[in-house]
N, C-alpha and C. Protein backbone atom coordinates (compact mmCIF):
# COMPACT_ATOMS: atom_id res chain seq x y z
N UNK A 1 -30.00 4.35 16.33
CA UNK A 1 -28.90 3.72 16.65
C UNK A 1 -28.74 2.08 16.31
N UNK A 2 -29.82 1.59 16.27
CA UNK A 2 -29.86 0.15 16.00
C UNK A 2 -29.26 -0.12 14.49
N UNK A 3 -29.55 0.76 13.62
CA UNK A 3 -29.10 0.53 12.27
C UNK A 3 -27.55 0.62 12.27
N UNK A 4 -27.01 1.52 13.11
CA UNK A 4 -25.67 1.60 13.32
C UNK A 4 -24.96 0.30 13.71
N UNK A 5 -25.54 -0.29 14.84
CA UNK A 5 -25.02 -1.49 15.34
C UNK A 5 -25.06 -2.61 14.27
N UNK A 6 -26.10 -2.54 13.54
CA UNK A 6 -26.18 -3.66 12.45
C UNK A 6 -25.07 -3.53 11.52
N UNK A 7 -24.74 -2.32 11.28
CA UNK A 7 -23.67 -2.05 10.24
C UNK A 7 -22.32 -2.28 10.63
N UNK A 8 -21.96 -2.31 12.01
CA UNK A 8 -20.76 -2.36 12.70
C UNK A 8 -19.67 -3.40 11.99
N UNK A 9 -20.14 -4.62 11.85
CA UNK A 9 -19.34 -5.82 11.46
C UNK A 9 -18.73 -5.41 10.02
N UNK A 10 -19.49 -4.97 9.20
CA UNK A 10 -18.99 -4.41 7.74
C UNK A 10 -18.16 -3.33 7.97
N UNK A 11 -18.50 -2.42 8.73
CA UNK A 11 -17.67 -0.95 8.82
C UNK A 11 -16.38 -1.58 9.35
N UNK A 12 -16.38 -2.20 10.21
CA UNK A 12 -14.84 -2.47 10.98
C UNK A 12 -14.15 -3.48 10.09
N UNK A 13 -14.72 -4.05 9.15
CA UNK A 13 -13.85 -4.83 8.13
C UNK A 13 -13.29 -3.86 7.12
N UNK A 14 -13.69 -2.70 7.14
CA UNK A 14 -13.12 -1.61 6.29
C UNK A 14 -12.38 -0.65 6.97
N UNK A 15 -12.25 -0.75 8.18
CA UNK A 15 -11.49 0.31 9.04
C UNK A 15 -10.07 0.41 8.65
N UNK A 16 -9.40 -0.52 8.11
CA UNK A 16 -7.99 -0.39 7.81
C UNK A 16 -7.63 0.77 6.79
N UNK A 17 -8.76 1.09 6.08
CA UNK A 17 -8.65 2.24 5.01
C UNK A 17 -9.18 3.38 5.50
N UNK A 18 -8.35 4.37 5.42
CA UNK A 18 -8.63 5.88 5.85
C UNK A 18 -9.06 6.48 4.43
N UNK A 19 -10.51 6.76 4.39
CA UNK A 19 -10.92 7.27 3.11
C UNK A 19 -10.75 8.80 3.16
N UNK A 20 -9.83 9.48 2.16
CA UNK A 20 -9.70 10.94 2.18
C UNK A 20 -10.70 11.60 1.57
N UNK A 21 -11.45 10.73 0.68
CA UNK A 21 -12.52 11.59 -0.08
C UNK A 21 -13.68 10.68 -0.04
N UNK A 22 -14.90 10.85 -0.68
CA UNK A 22 -15.95 9.93 -0.77
C UNK A 22 -16.91 10.25 -2.18
N UNK A 23 -17.40 9.22 -2.56
CA UNK A 23 -18.10 9.35 -3.90
C UNK A 23 -19.39 10.20 -3.64
N UNK A 24 -19.86 10.96 -4.74
CA UNK A 24 -21.03 11.63 -4.71
C UNK A 24 -22.29 10.88 -4.50
N UNK A 25 -23.16 11.58 -3.69
CA UNK A 25 -24.47 10.99 -3.44
C UNK A 25 -25.46 11.42 -4.52
N UNK A 26 -26.30 10.68 -5.01
CA UNK A 26 -27.31 10.75 -5.94
C UNK A 26 -28.51 11.36 -5.11
N UNK A 27 -29.52 11.84 -5.88
CA UNK A 27 -30.63 12.64 -5.49
C UNK A 27 -31.41 11.63 -4.55
N UNK A 28 -31.55 10.29 -5.04
CA UNK A 28 -32.34 9.22 -4.34
C UNK A 28 -31.59 9.02 -3.02
N UNK A 29 -30.37 8.74 -2.89
CA UNK A 29 -29.56 8.71 -1.95
C UNK A 29 -29.55 9.84 -0.71
N UNK A 30 -29.76 11.14 -1.29
CA UNK A 30 -29.84 12.36 -0.39
C UNK A 30 -31.21 12.22 0.21
N UNK A 31 -32.36 12.01 -0.44
CA UNK A 31 -33.56 11.89 0.06
C UNK A 31 -33.78 10.79 1.00
N UNK A 32 -33.08 9.74 0.90
CA UNK A 32 -33.51 8.57 1.85
C UNK A 32 -32.31 8.53 2.79
N UNK A 33 -31.37 9.47 2.97
CA UNK A 33 -30.07 9.11 3.80
C UNK A 33 -30.34 8.98 5.21
N UNK A 34 -29.79 8.21 5.80
CA UNK A 34 -29.78 8.02 7.26
C UNK A 34 -28.63 8.65 7.83
N UNK A 35 -28.56 10.05 8.27
CA UNK A 35 -27.37 10.67 8.43
C UNK A 35 -26.49 10.06 9.74
N UNK A 36 -27.18 9.51 10.57
CA UNK A 36 -26.45 8.86 11.70
C UNK A 36 -25.69 7.87 11.19
N UNK A 37 -26.51 6.93 10.51
CA UNK A 37 -25.61 5.73 9.76
C UNK A 37 -24.43 6.25 9.03
N UNK A 38 -24.60 7.25 8.15
CA UNK A 38 -23.44 7.72 7.24
C UNK A 38 -22.51 8.32 8.15
N UNK A 39 -22.80 8.98 9.22
CA UNK A 39 -21.63 9.64 10.09
C UNK A 39 -20.92 8.26 10.74
N UNK A 40 -21.52 7.30 11.11
CA UNK A 40 -20.85 6.14 11.83
C UNK A 40 -20.24 5.48 10.72
N UNK A 41 -20.57 5.27 9.51
CA UNK A 41 -19.65 4.83 8.52
C UNK A 41 -18.31 5.66 8.17
N UNK A 42 -18.60 6.88 8.15
CA UNK A 42 -17.25 7.76 8.20
C UNK A 42 -16.45 7.72 9.15
N UNK A 43 -16.98 7.73 10.43
CA UNK A 43 -16.17 7.64 11.61
C UNK A 43 -15.40 6.44 11.79
N UNK A 44 -16.01 5.29 11.47
CA UNK A 44 -15.27 3.93 11.52
C UNK A 44 -14.07 3.77 10.55
N UNK A 45 -14.17 4.56 9.70
CA UNK A 45 -12.92 4.45 8.72
C UNK A 45 -11.94 5.78 8.76
N UNK A 46 -12.28 6.59 9.92
CA UNK A 46 -11.45 7.64 10.20
C UNK A 46 -11.57 8.85 9.26
N UNK A 47 -12.69 9.04 8.93
CA UNK A 47 -12.84 10.06 7.82
C UNK A 47 -12.82 11.47 8.56
N UNK A 48 -12.55 12.41 8.17
CA UNK A 48 -12.62 13.84 8.80
C UNK A 48 -14.07 14.28 8.76
N UNK A 49 -14.45 14.97 9.64
CA UNK A 49 -15.76 15.54 9.94
C UNK A 49 -16.08 16.52 8.71
N UNK A 50 -15.11 17.03 8.11
CA UNK A 50 -15.11 17.86 6.87
C UNK A 50 -16.27 17.18 5.70
N UNK A 51 -16.24 15.85 5.77
CA UNK A 51 -16.94 15.12 4.87
C UNK A 51 -18.32 15.60 4.55
N UNK A 52 -18.94 16.13 5.70
CA UNK A 52 -20.38 16.50 5.49
C UNK A 52 -20.51 17.67 4.65
N UNK A 53 -19.48 18.42 4.45
CA UNK A 53 -19.64 19.58 3.50
C UNK A 53 -19.80 19.03 2.13
N UNK A 54 -19.10 17.78 1.78
CA UNK A 54 -19.24 17.12 0.52
C UNK A 54 -20.68 16.79 0.29
N UNK A 55 -21.35 16.13 1.48
CA UNK A 55 -22.68 15.72 1.20
C UNK A 55 -23.58 16.81 1.12
N UNK A 56 -23.27 17.96 1.77
CA UNK A 56 -24.01 19.14 1.71
C UNK A 56 -24.35 19.64 0.06
N UNK A 57 -22.98 19.58 -0.41
CA UNK A 57 -22.79 20.07 -1.78
C UNK A 57 -23.56 19.04 -2.86
N UNK A 58 -23.51 17.68 -2.50
CA UNK A 58 -24.03 16.62 -3.39
C UNK A 58 -25.73 16.65 -3.21
N UNK A 59 -26.07 17.03 -2.06
CA UNK A 59 -27.57 17.11 -1.97
C UNK A 59 -28.30 18.50 -2.07
N UNK A 60 -27.42 19.27 -2.52
CA UNK A 60 -28.12 20.78 -2.64
C UNK A 60 -29.14 20.61 -3.74
N UNK A 61 -28.79 20.07 -4.69
CA UNK A 61 -29.62 19.96 -6.07
C UNK A 61 -31.08 19.16 -5.72
N UNK A 62 -31.04 18.34 -4.73
CA UNK A 62 -32.19 17.50 -4.28
C UNK A 62 -32.85 18.32 -3.10
N UNK A 63 -32.53 19.56 -2.76
CA UNK A 63 -33.10 20.24 -1.74
C UNK A 63 -33.04 19.52 -0.35
N UNK A 64 -31.97 18.66 -0.20
CA UNK A 64 -31.78 18.16 1.21
C UNK A 64 -30.63 18.71 1.88
N UNK A 65 -30.81 19.03 3.23
CA UNK A 65 -29.76 19.52 4.01
C UNK A 65 -29.20 18.50 4.90
N UNK A 66 -28.13 17.89 4.98
CA UNK A 66 -27.79 17.07 5.97
C UNK A 66 -28.15 17.34 7.31
N UNK A 67 -28.56 16.15 8.25
CA UNK A 67 -28.79 16.36 9.66
C UNK A 67 -27.22 16.38 10.35
N UNK A 68 -26.74 17.66 10.56
CA UNK A 68 -25.51 17.55 11.02
C UNK A 68 -25.30 16.89 12.46
N UNK A 69 -26.43 17.10 13.39
CA UNK A 69 -26.37 16.52 14.75
C UNK A 69 -26.27 15.00 14.66
N UNK A 70 -27.34 14.53 13.81
CA UNK A 70 -27.22 13.03 13.57
C UNK A 70 -25.90 12.53 13.00
N UNK A 71 -25.71 13.19 12.09
CA UNK A 71 -24.38 12.84 11.43
C UNK A 71 -23.03 12.75 12.49
N UNK A 72 -22.85 13.82 13.34
CA UNK A 72 -21.81 13.87 14.22
C UNK A 72 -21.98 12.79 15.25
N UNK A 73 -23.27 12.66 15.71
CA UNK A 73 -23.48 11.46 16.52
C UNK A 73 -23.16 10.10 16.23
N UNK A 74 -23.40 9.96 15.02
CA UNK A 74 -23.02 8.61 14.36
C UNK A 74 -21.48 8.56 14.15
N UNK A 75 -20.94 9.72 13.68
CA UNK A 75 -19.48 9.77 13.38
C UNK A 75 -18.66 9.57 14.70
N UNK A 76 -19.05 10.22 15.74
CA UNK A 76 -18.64 9.87 17.20
C UNK A 76 -18.54 8.24 17.61
N UNK A 77 -19.70 7.73 17.25
CA UNK A 77 -19.82 6.47 17.66
C UNK A 77 -18.93 5.56 16.77
N UNK A 78 -18.67 5.92 15.45
CA UNK A 78 -17.84 5.23 14.54
C UNK A 78 -16.32 5.44 15.05
N UNK A 79 -15.91 6.74 15.44
CA UNK A 79 -14.62 6.93 15.78
C UNK A 79 -14.31 6.27 17.10
N UNK A 80 -15.22 5.84 17.97
CA UNK A 80 -14.94 5.08 19.22
C UNK A 80 -14.31 3.63 18.75
N UNK A 81 -14.84 3.22 17.77
CA UNK A 81 -14.24 1.99 17.23
C UNK A 81 -12.83 2.16 16.34
N UNK A 82 -12.81 3.23 15.62
CA UNK A 82 -11.62 3.44 14.69
C UNK A 82 -10.45 3.81 15.55
N UNK A 83 -10.49 4.58 16.79
CA UNK A 83 -9.54 5.22 17.55
C UNK A 83 -8.93 4.16 18.48
N UNK A 84 -9.35 2.86 18.52
CA UNK A 84 -8.80 1.92 19.43
C UNK A 84 -7.36 1.63 18.80
N UNK A 85 -6.45 1.27 19.98
CA UNK A 85 -4.88 1.09 19.56
C UNK A 85 -4.90 -0.07 18.50
N UNK A 86 -5.70 -1.19 18.58
CA UNK A 86 -5.50 -2.20 17.73
C UNK A 86 -5.97 -1.85 16.38
N UNK A 87 -6.88 -1.13 16.22
CA UNK A 87 -7.22 -0.58 14.83
C UNK A 87 -6.33 0.55 14.39
N UNK A 88 -5.47 1.15 15.31
CA UNK A 88 -4.50 1.98 14.78
C UNK A 88 -3.28 1.11 14.23
N UNK A 89 -3.06 -0.09 14.82
CA UNK A 89 -2.00 -1.02 14.25
C UNK A 89 -2.66 -1.57 12.76
N UNK A 90 -3.79 -1.76 12.66
CA UNK A 90 -4.34 -2.39 11.45
C UNK A 90 -4.27 -1.19 10.25
N UNK A 91 -4.65 0.10 10.83
CA UNK A 91 -4.65 1.15 9.68
C UNK A 91 -3.12 1.41 9.26
N UNK A 92 -2.23 1.31 10.17
CA UNK A 92 -0.83 1.58 9.75
C UNK A 92 -0.29 0.48 9.00
N UNK A 93 -0.84 -0.77 9.44
CA UNK A 93 -0.21 -1.85 8.79
C UNK A 93 -0.65 -1.93 7.17
N UNK A 94 -1.95 -1.51 7.12
CA UNK A 94 -2.40 -1.26 5.69
C UNK A 94 -1.76 -0.01 4.79
N UNK A 95 -1.04 0.63 5.37
CA UNK A 95 -0.42 1.91 4.73
C UNK A 95 -1.21 2.98 4.70
N UNK A 96 -2.41 3.10 5.30
CA UNK A 96 -3.42 4.20 5.11
C UNK A 96 -2.75 5.37 5.78
N UNK A 97 -3.13 6.48 5.53
CA UNK A 97 -2.84 7.74 6.30
C UNK A 97 -3.81 7.91 7.51
N UNK A 98 -3.31 8.92 8.35
CA UNK A 98 -4.29 9.19 9.63
C UNK A 98 -4.59 10.39 9.42
N UNK A 99 -5.98 10.79 9.57
CA UNK A 99 -6.29 12.05 9.29
C UNK A 99 -6.59 13.06 10.36
N UNK A 100 -5.81 12.52 11.71
CA UNK A 100 -6.00 13.39 12.91
C UNK A 100 -7.30 13.45 13.51
N UNK A 101 -8.10 12.38 13.46
CA UNK A 101 -9.36 12.46 13.86
C UNK A 101 -9.67 11.94 15.36
N UNK A 102 -8.64 11.56 15.97
CA UNK A 102 -8.72 10.94 17.47
C UNK A 102 -8.32 11.71 18.55
N UNK A 103 -8.41 13.11 18.35
CA UNK A 103 -7.98 13.88 19.37
C UNK A 103 -8.83 13.78 20.77
N UNK A 104 -10.23 13.43 20.47
CA UNK A 104 -11.13 13.40 21.68
C UNK A 104 -11.13 12.02 22.19
N UNK A 105 -10.37 11.13 21.68
CA UNK A 105 -10.35 9.67 22.15
C UNK A 105 -9.10 9.39 22.51
N UNK A 106 -8.78 7.95 22.44
CA UNK A 106 -7.35 7.52 22.74
C UNK A 106 -6.33 7.79 21.70
N UNK A 107 -6.10 8.92 21.49
CA UNK A 107 -5.06 9.25 20.23
C UNK A 107 -3.77 8.71 20.55
N UNK A 108 -3.31 8.74 21.87
CA UNK A 108 -2.00 8.34 22.22
C UNK A 108 -2.02 6.80 21.89
N UNK A 109 -2.98 5.88 22.38
CA UNK A 109 -3.00 4.50 22.14
C UNK A 109 -2.94 4.36 20.57
N UNK A 110 -4.01 4.83 19.77
CA UNK A 110 -4.12 4.69 18.47
C UNK A 110 -2.94 5.03 17.73
N UNK A 111 -2.07 5.98 18.15
CA UNK A 111 -1.01 6.45 17.32
C UNK A 111 0.28 5.36 17.62
N UNK A 112 0.27 4.92 18.83
CA UNK A 112 1.17 3.91 19.13
C UNK A 112 0.98 2.73 18.39
N UNK A 113 -0.35 2.27 18.13
CA UNK A 113 -0.50 1.19 17.22
C UNK A 113 -0.13 1.38 15.86
N UNK A 114 -0.74 2.58 15.38
CA UNK A 114 -0.50 3.17 14.04
C UNK A 114 1.07 3.00 13.65
N UNK A 115 1.73 3.66 14.51
CA UNK A 115 3.31 3.72 14.19
C UNK A 115 3.75 2.36 14.04
N UNK A 116 3.50 1.45 15.11
CA UNK A 116 3.86 -0.02 15.15
C UNK A 116 3.59 -0.61 13.65
N UNK A 117 2.44 -0.46 13.29
CA UNK A 117 1.86 -1.08 11.84
C UNK A 117 2.47 -0.58 10.83
N UNK A 118 2.80 0.92 10.92
CA UNK A 118 3.24 1.63 9.69
C UNK A 118 4.73 1.08 9.61
N UNK A 119 5.56 1.03 10.51
CA UNK A 119 6.89 0.42 10.39
C UNK A 119 6.87 -0.93 9.68
N UNK A 120 6.04 -1.97 10.09
CA UNK A 120 6.05 -3.05 9.29
C UNK A 120 5.57 -2.86 7.83
N UNK A 121 4.57 -1.87 7.70
CA UNK A 121 4.15 -1.69 6.34
C UNK A 121 5.38 -1.26 5.34
N UNK A 122 6.09 -0.26 6.01
CA UNK A 122 7.24 0.29 5.10
C UNK A 122 8.39 -0.76 5.15
N UNK A 123 8.51 -1.78 6.11
CA UNK A 123 9.50 -2.71 5.72
C UNK A 123 9.12 -3.78 4.87
N UNK A 124 7.77 -4.18 4.86
CA UNK A 124 7.28 -4.90 3.70
C UNK A 124 7.36 -4.36 2.42
N UNK A 125 7.06 -3.03 2.21
CA UNK A 125 7.23 -2.38 0.95
C UNK A 125 8.57 -2.38 0.34
N UNK A 126 9.60 -2.21 1.40
CA UNK A 126 10.91 -2.45 1.02
C UNK A 126 11.47 -3.67 0.57
N UNK A 127 10.87 -4.66 1.18
CA UNK A 127 11.04 -5.96 0.67
C UNK A 127 10.63 -6.25 -0.61
N UNK A 128 9.50 -5.75 -0.84
CA UNK A 128 8.82 -5.89 -2.40
C UNK A 128 9.49 -5.18 -3.26
N UNK A 129 10.15 -3.94 -3.08
CA UNK A 129 10.92 -3.17 -3.88
C UNK A 129 12.26 -4.05 -4.07
N UNK A 130 12.90 -4.61 -2.93
CA UNK A 130 14.27 -5.38 -3.29
C UNK A 130 13.95 -6.53 -4.11
N UNK A 131 12.81 -7.14 -3.89
CA UNK A 131 12.42 -8.50 -4.74
C UNK A 131 12.31 -8.05 -6.20
N UNK A 132 11.63 -6.92 -6.41
CA UNK A 132 11.46 -6.46 -7.82
C UNK A 132 12.73 -6.20 -8.33
N UNK A 133 13.73 -5.70 -7.69
CA UNK A 133 15.00 -5.29 -8.19
C UNK A 133 15.72 -6.70 -8.64
N UNK A 134 15.62 -7.80 -7.95
CA UNK A 134 16.15 -8.93 -8.09
C UNK A 134 15.61 -9.60 -9.35
N UNK A 135 14.20 -9.35 -9.42
CA UNK A 135 13.67 -9.93 -10.68
C UNK A 135 14.03 -9.28 -11.99
N UNK A 136 14.26 -7.78 -11.83
CA UNK A 136 14.71 -7.18 -12.96
C UNK A 136 16.11 -7.42 -13.35
N UNK A 137 16.93 -7.73 -12.19
CA UNK A 137 18.30 -7.90 -12.55
C UNK A 137 18.50 -9.34 -13.07
N UNK A 138 17.70 -10.44 -12.69
CA UNK A 138 17.70 -11.52 -13.24
C UNK A 138 17.04 -11.55 -14.76
N UNK A 139 16.06 -10.77 -15.09
CA UNK A 139 15.59 -10.55 -16.30
C UNK A 139 16.71 -10.10 -17.20
N UNK A 140 17.41 -8.95 -16.84
CA UNK A 140 18.54 -8.43 -17.61
C UNK A 140 19.75 -9.52 -17.90
N UNK A 141 19.91 -10.39 -16.90
CA UNK A 141 20.87 -11.28 -17.21
C UNK A 141 20.53 -12.35 -18.26
N UNK A 142 19.08 -12.69 -18.25
CA UNK A 142 18.62 -13.52 -19.11
C UNK A 142 18.63 -13.15 -20.55
N UNK A 143 18.30 -11.78 -20.63
CA UNK A 143 18.23 -11.11 -21.96
C UNK A 143 19.69 -11.09 -22.48
N UNK A 144 20.52 -10.70 -21.70
CA UNK A 144 22.08 -10.52 -22.08
C UNK A 144 22.73 -12.02 -22.52
N UNK A 145 22.17 -13.10 -21.87
CA UNK A 145 22.62 -14.44 -22.29
C UNK A 145 22.18 -14.78 -23.63
N UNK A 146 21.10 -14.09 -24.05
CA UNK A 146 20.47 -14.41 -25.35
C UNK A 146 21.22 -13.62 -26.38
N UNK A 147 21.61 -12.37 -25.99
CA UNK A 147 22.60 -11.66 -26.83
C UNK A 147 23.81 -12.36 -27.10
N UNK A 148 24.44 -12.90 -26.18
CA UNK A 148 25.80 -13.70 -26.18
C UNK A 148 25.47 -14.87 -26.95
N UNK A 149 24.39 -15.78 -26.89
CA UNK A 149 24.04 -17.01 -27.57
C UNK A 149 24.15 -16.54 -29.06
N UNK A 150 23.38 -15.39 -29.40
CA UNK A 150 23.27 -15.04 -30.84
C UNK A 150 24.55 -14.95 -31.63
N UNK A 151 25.58 -14.00 -30.48
CA UNK A 151 26.90 -13.79 -31.25
C UNK A 151 27.61 -15.25 -31.48
N UNK A 152 27.44 -15.98 -30.31
CA UNK A 152 28.23 -17.29 -30.44
C UNK A 152 27.66 -18.10 -31.79
N UNK A 153 26.52 -18.07 -32.06
CA UNK A 153 25.82 -18.68 -33.25
C UNK A 153 26.34 -18.12 -34.54
N UNK A 154 26.43 -16.90 -34.45
CA UNK A 154 26.89 -16.11 -35.72
C UNK A 154 28.49 -16.59 -35.67
N UNK A 155 29.31 -16.63 -34.72
CA UNK A 155 30.63 -16.94 -34.94
C UNK A 155 30.95 -18.26 -35.75
N UNK A 156 30.03 -19.22 -35.42
CA UNK A 156 30.17 -20.63 -36.03
C UNK A 156 29.43 -20.74 -37.35
N UNK A 157 28.66 -19.61 -37.70
CA UNK A 157 27.81 -19.83 -39.03
C UNK A 157 28.66 -19.82 -40.07
N UNK A 158 28.36 -20.77 -40.93
CA UNK A 158 29.26 -21.30 -42.20
C UNK A 158 29.38 -19.82 -43.14
N UNK A 159 28.53 -19.17 -43.08
CA UNK A 159 28.44 -17.85 -44.06
C UNK A 159 29.03 -16.75 -43.39
N UNK A 160 29.69 -16.78 -42.14
CA UNK A 160 30.28 -15.57 -41.46
C UNK A 160 31.82 -15.48 -42.08
N UNK A 161 32.24 -14.51 -42.51
CA UNK A 161 33.53 -14.20 -42.88
C UNK A 161 34.43 -13.96 -41.96
N UNK A 162 35.69 -14.08 -42.35
CA UNK A 162 36.78 -13.91 -41.20
C UNK A 162 36.85 -12.41 -40.66
N UNK A 163 36.44 -11.51 -41.39
CA UNK A 163 36.46 -10.23 -41.03
C UNK A 163 35.16 -10.05 -39.87
N UNK A 164 34.09 -10.56 -40.40
CA UNK A 164 32.89 -10.49 -39.40
C UNK A 164 33.12 -11.13 -38.01
N UNK A 165 34.16 -12.23 -38.18
CA UNK A 165 34.35 -13.01 -36.75
C UNK A 165 35.12 -12.16 -35.96
N UNK A 166 36.12 -11.33 -36.66
CA UNK A 166 36.84 -10.38 -35.65
C UNK A 166 35.89 -9.59 -34.95
N UNK A 167 34.96 -8.99 -35.73
CA UNK A 167 34.22 -8.11 -35.03
C UNK A 167 33.31 -8.69 -34.12
N UNK A 168 32.75 -9.88 -34.50
CA UNK A 168 32.03 -10.67 -33.63
C UNK A 168 32.73 -10.87 -32.12
N UNK A 169 33.99 -11.32 -32.41
CA UNK A 169 34.79 -11.55 -31.18
C UNK A 169 34.91 -10.49 -30.20
N UNK A 170 34.96 -9.21 -30.93
CA UNK A 170 35.09 -8.09 -29.91
C UNK A 170 33.96 -7.81 -29.35
N UNK A 171 32.55 -7.91 -30.18
CA UNK A 171 31.37 -7.89 -29.39
C UNK A 171 31.09 -8.78 -28.40
N UNK A 172 31.68 -10.10 -28.50
CA UNK A 172 31.35 -11.07 -27.60
C UNK A 172 32.13 -10.64 -26.28
N UNK A 173 33.43 -10.31 -26.39
CA UNK A 173 34.19 -9.74 -25.14
C UNK A 173 33.44 -8.76 -24.31
N UNK A 174 32.73 -7.70 -25.12
CA UNK A 174 32.06 -6.71 -24.67
C UNK A 174 30.81 -7.10 -23.96
N UNK A 175 30.10 -8.04 -24.55
CA UNK A 175 29.01 -8.41 -24.05
C UNK A 175 29.06 -9.32 -22.85
N UNK A 176 30.18 -10.22 -22.96
CA UNK A 176 30.47 -11.09 -21.79
C UNK A 176 30.93 -10.26 -20.59
N UNK A 177 31.59 -9.09 -20.79
CA UNK A 177 31.83 -8.14 -19.55
C UNK A 177 30.59 -7.70 -19.07
N UNK A 178 29.61 -7.29 -19.97
CA UNK A 178 28.36 -6.72 -19.29
C UNK A 178 27.71 -7.83 -18.72
N UNK A 179 27.76 -9.11 -19.00
CA UNK A 179 27.12 -10.05 -18.30
C UNK A 179 27.65 -10.28 -16.91
N UNK A 180 29.07 -10.14 -16.83
CA UNK A 180 29.57 -10.08 -15.53
C UNK A 180 29.24 -9.19 -14.57
N UNK A 181 29.03 -7.77 -15.17
CA UNK A 181 28.41 -6.60 -14.44
C UNK A 181 26.98 -6.94 -13.96
N UNK A 182 26.18 -7.45 -14.82
CA UNK A 182 24.91 -7.84 -14.44
C UNK A 182 24.86 -8.88 -13.36
N UNK A 183 25.82 -9.86 -13.39
CA UNK A 183 25.79 -10.97 -12.27
C UNK A 183 26.05 -10.35 -10.98
N UNK A 184 27.01 -9.28 -11.14
CA UNK A 184 27.34 -8.51 -9.66
C UNK A 184 26.24 -7.75 -9.25
N UNK A 185 25.43 -7.08 -10.17
CA UNK A 185 24.42 -6.29 -9.69
C UNK A 185 23.19 -7.34 -9.19
N UNK A 186 23.08 -8.67 -9.73
CA UNK A 186 22.22 -9.50 -9.14
C UNK A 186 22.55 -10.09 -7.79
N UNK A 187 23.75 -10.04 -7.55
CA UNK A 187 24.35 -10.45 -6.23
C UNK A 187 24.09 -9.49 -5.12
N UNK A 188 24.34 -8.17 -5.48
CA UNK A 188 24.01 -6.89 -4.56
C UNK A 188 22.48 -7.04 -4.36
N UNK A 189 21.63 -7.20 -5.51
CA UNK A 189 20.12 -7.03 -5.24
C UNK A 189 19.80 -8.25 -4.25
N UNK A 190 20.40 -9.25 -4.60
CA UNK A 190 20.06 -10.52 -3.70
C UNK A 190 20.28 -10.26 -2.22
N UNK A 191 21.60 -9.63 -1.93
CA UNK A 191 21.98 -9.26 -0.80
C UNK A 191 20.86 -8.15 0.15
N UNK A 192 20.73 -7.20 -0.75
CA UNK A 192 19.79 -6.28 -0.22
C UNK A 192 18.28 -6.97 0.07
N UNK A 193 18.00 -7.62 -0.61
CA UNK A 193 16.84 -8.26 -0.48
C UNK A 193 16.85 -9.28 0.90
N UNK A 194 17.86 -10.01 1.04
CA UNK A 194 18.06 -10.62 2.29
C UNK A 194 18.16 -9.91 3.46
N UNK A 195 18.81 -8.80 3.36
CA UNK A 195 18.87 -7.93 4.61
C UNK A 195 17.51 -7.18 4.88
N UNK A 196 16.78 -6.85 3.80
CA UNK A 196 15.37 -6.37 3.97
C UNK A 196 14.20 -7.30 4.75
N UNK A 197 14.57 -8.58 4.07
CA UNK A 197 13.70 -9.71 4.69
C UNK A 197 14.06 -9.98 6.26
N UNK A 198 15.34 -9.94 6.47
CA UNK A 198 15.81 -10.14 7.90
C UNK A 198 15.35 -9.09 8.83
N UNK A 199 15.48 -7.72 8.23
CA UNK A 199 14.96 -6.64 9.10
C UNK A 199 13.45 -6.94 9.36
N UNK A 200 12.87 -7.31 8.36
CA UNK A 200 11.20 -7.44 8.44
C UNK A 200 10.89 -8.47 9.62
N UNK A 201 11.52 -9.51 9.27
CA UNK A 201 11.23 -10.48 10.29
C UNK A 201 11.49 -10.19 11.70
N UNK A 202 12.66 -9.57 11.97
CA UNK A 202 13.04 -9.18 13.27
C UNK A 202 11.94 -8.10 13.87
N UNK A 203 11.55 -7.28 12.88
CA UNK A 203 10.42 -6.32 13.48
C UNK A 203 9.24 -7.03 13.88
N UNK A 204 8.86 -7.95 12.85
CA UNK A 204 7.51 -8.76 13.10
C UNK A 204 7.48 -9.38 14.28
N UNK A 205 8.66 -10.11 14.76
CA UNK A 205 8.89 -10.82 15.90
C UNK A 205 8.77 -9.91 17.10
N UNK A 206 9.50 -8.86 16.96
CA UNK A 206 9.58 -7.93 18.24
C UNK A 206 8.18 -7.41 18.52
N UNK A 207 7.33 -6.90 17.42
CA UNK A 207 6.20 -6.56 17.54
C UNK A 207 5.16 -7.52 18.29
N UNK A 208 5.35 -8.89 17.69
CA UNK A 208 4.52 -10.06 18.20
C UNK A 208 4.83 -10.32 19.74
N UNK A 209 5.96 -9.90 20.13
CA UNK A 209 6.41 -10.16 21.40
C UNK A 209 6.06 -8.99 22.52
N UNK A 210 5.91 -7.79 22.08
CA UNK A 210 5.82 -6.61 22.91
C UNK A 210 4.50 -5.98 22.83
N UNK A 211 3.78 -6.18 21.72
CA UNK A 211 2.85 -5.54 21.39
C UNK A 211 1.36 -6.05 21.87
N UNK A 212 0.39 -5.45 22.29
CA UNK A 212 -0.98 -6.00 22.60
C UNK A 212 -1.79 -6.29 21.29
N UNK A 213 -1.30 -6.22 20.18
CA UNK A 213 -2.23 -6.21 19.00
C UNK A 213 -1.95 -7.63 18.23
């Protein structure tokens, strides 16, 4: 268990990530595995106990059978760290999924923290989406202004015929109308971004005032 304690700071730093799968183990890794430590590392990131099945398959060619008891002892030690309410908040805030591993621990407290963190994660993601929409709308406007500028240059060019100018004037009207539409879309996108940011700030304030995290 001493080796588990030494690994705790590093493992806790990773605890906001729920790892759904795991990379394969090499023959050397199988032969030298400390199954209690591996269990702890899996537990502290909320990995399902089914992961040992992957290790069993990985290590079959090496003729190594994972020590299930040692693995489960380590994993339970890791889950005591993972299933804390404050860590639930961090996991939710990071957008990671919860694999339902805290049933034997403080699952109620973990989920309370997880849901609070997840709400903020989703609101931040909405702000990012809204911000990207503003950027796209502005880019469309910039591109449309270039189109209009090119038409205006063609209108005053010496080589432009009167017939071409008539066509260009129609094009200018059409593209100018389109620019107006794009400006309206930008205003809408900016409003939605402001609303998303305000909602996020309000939720962050409320969480800071009422939560123990």
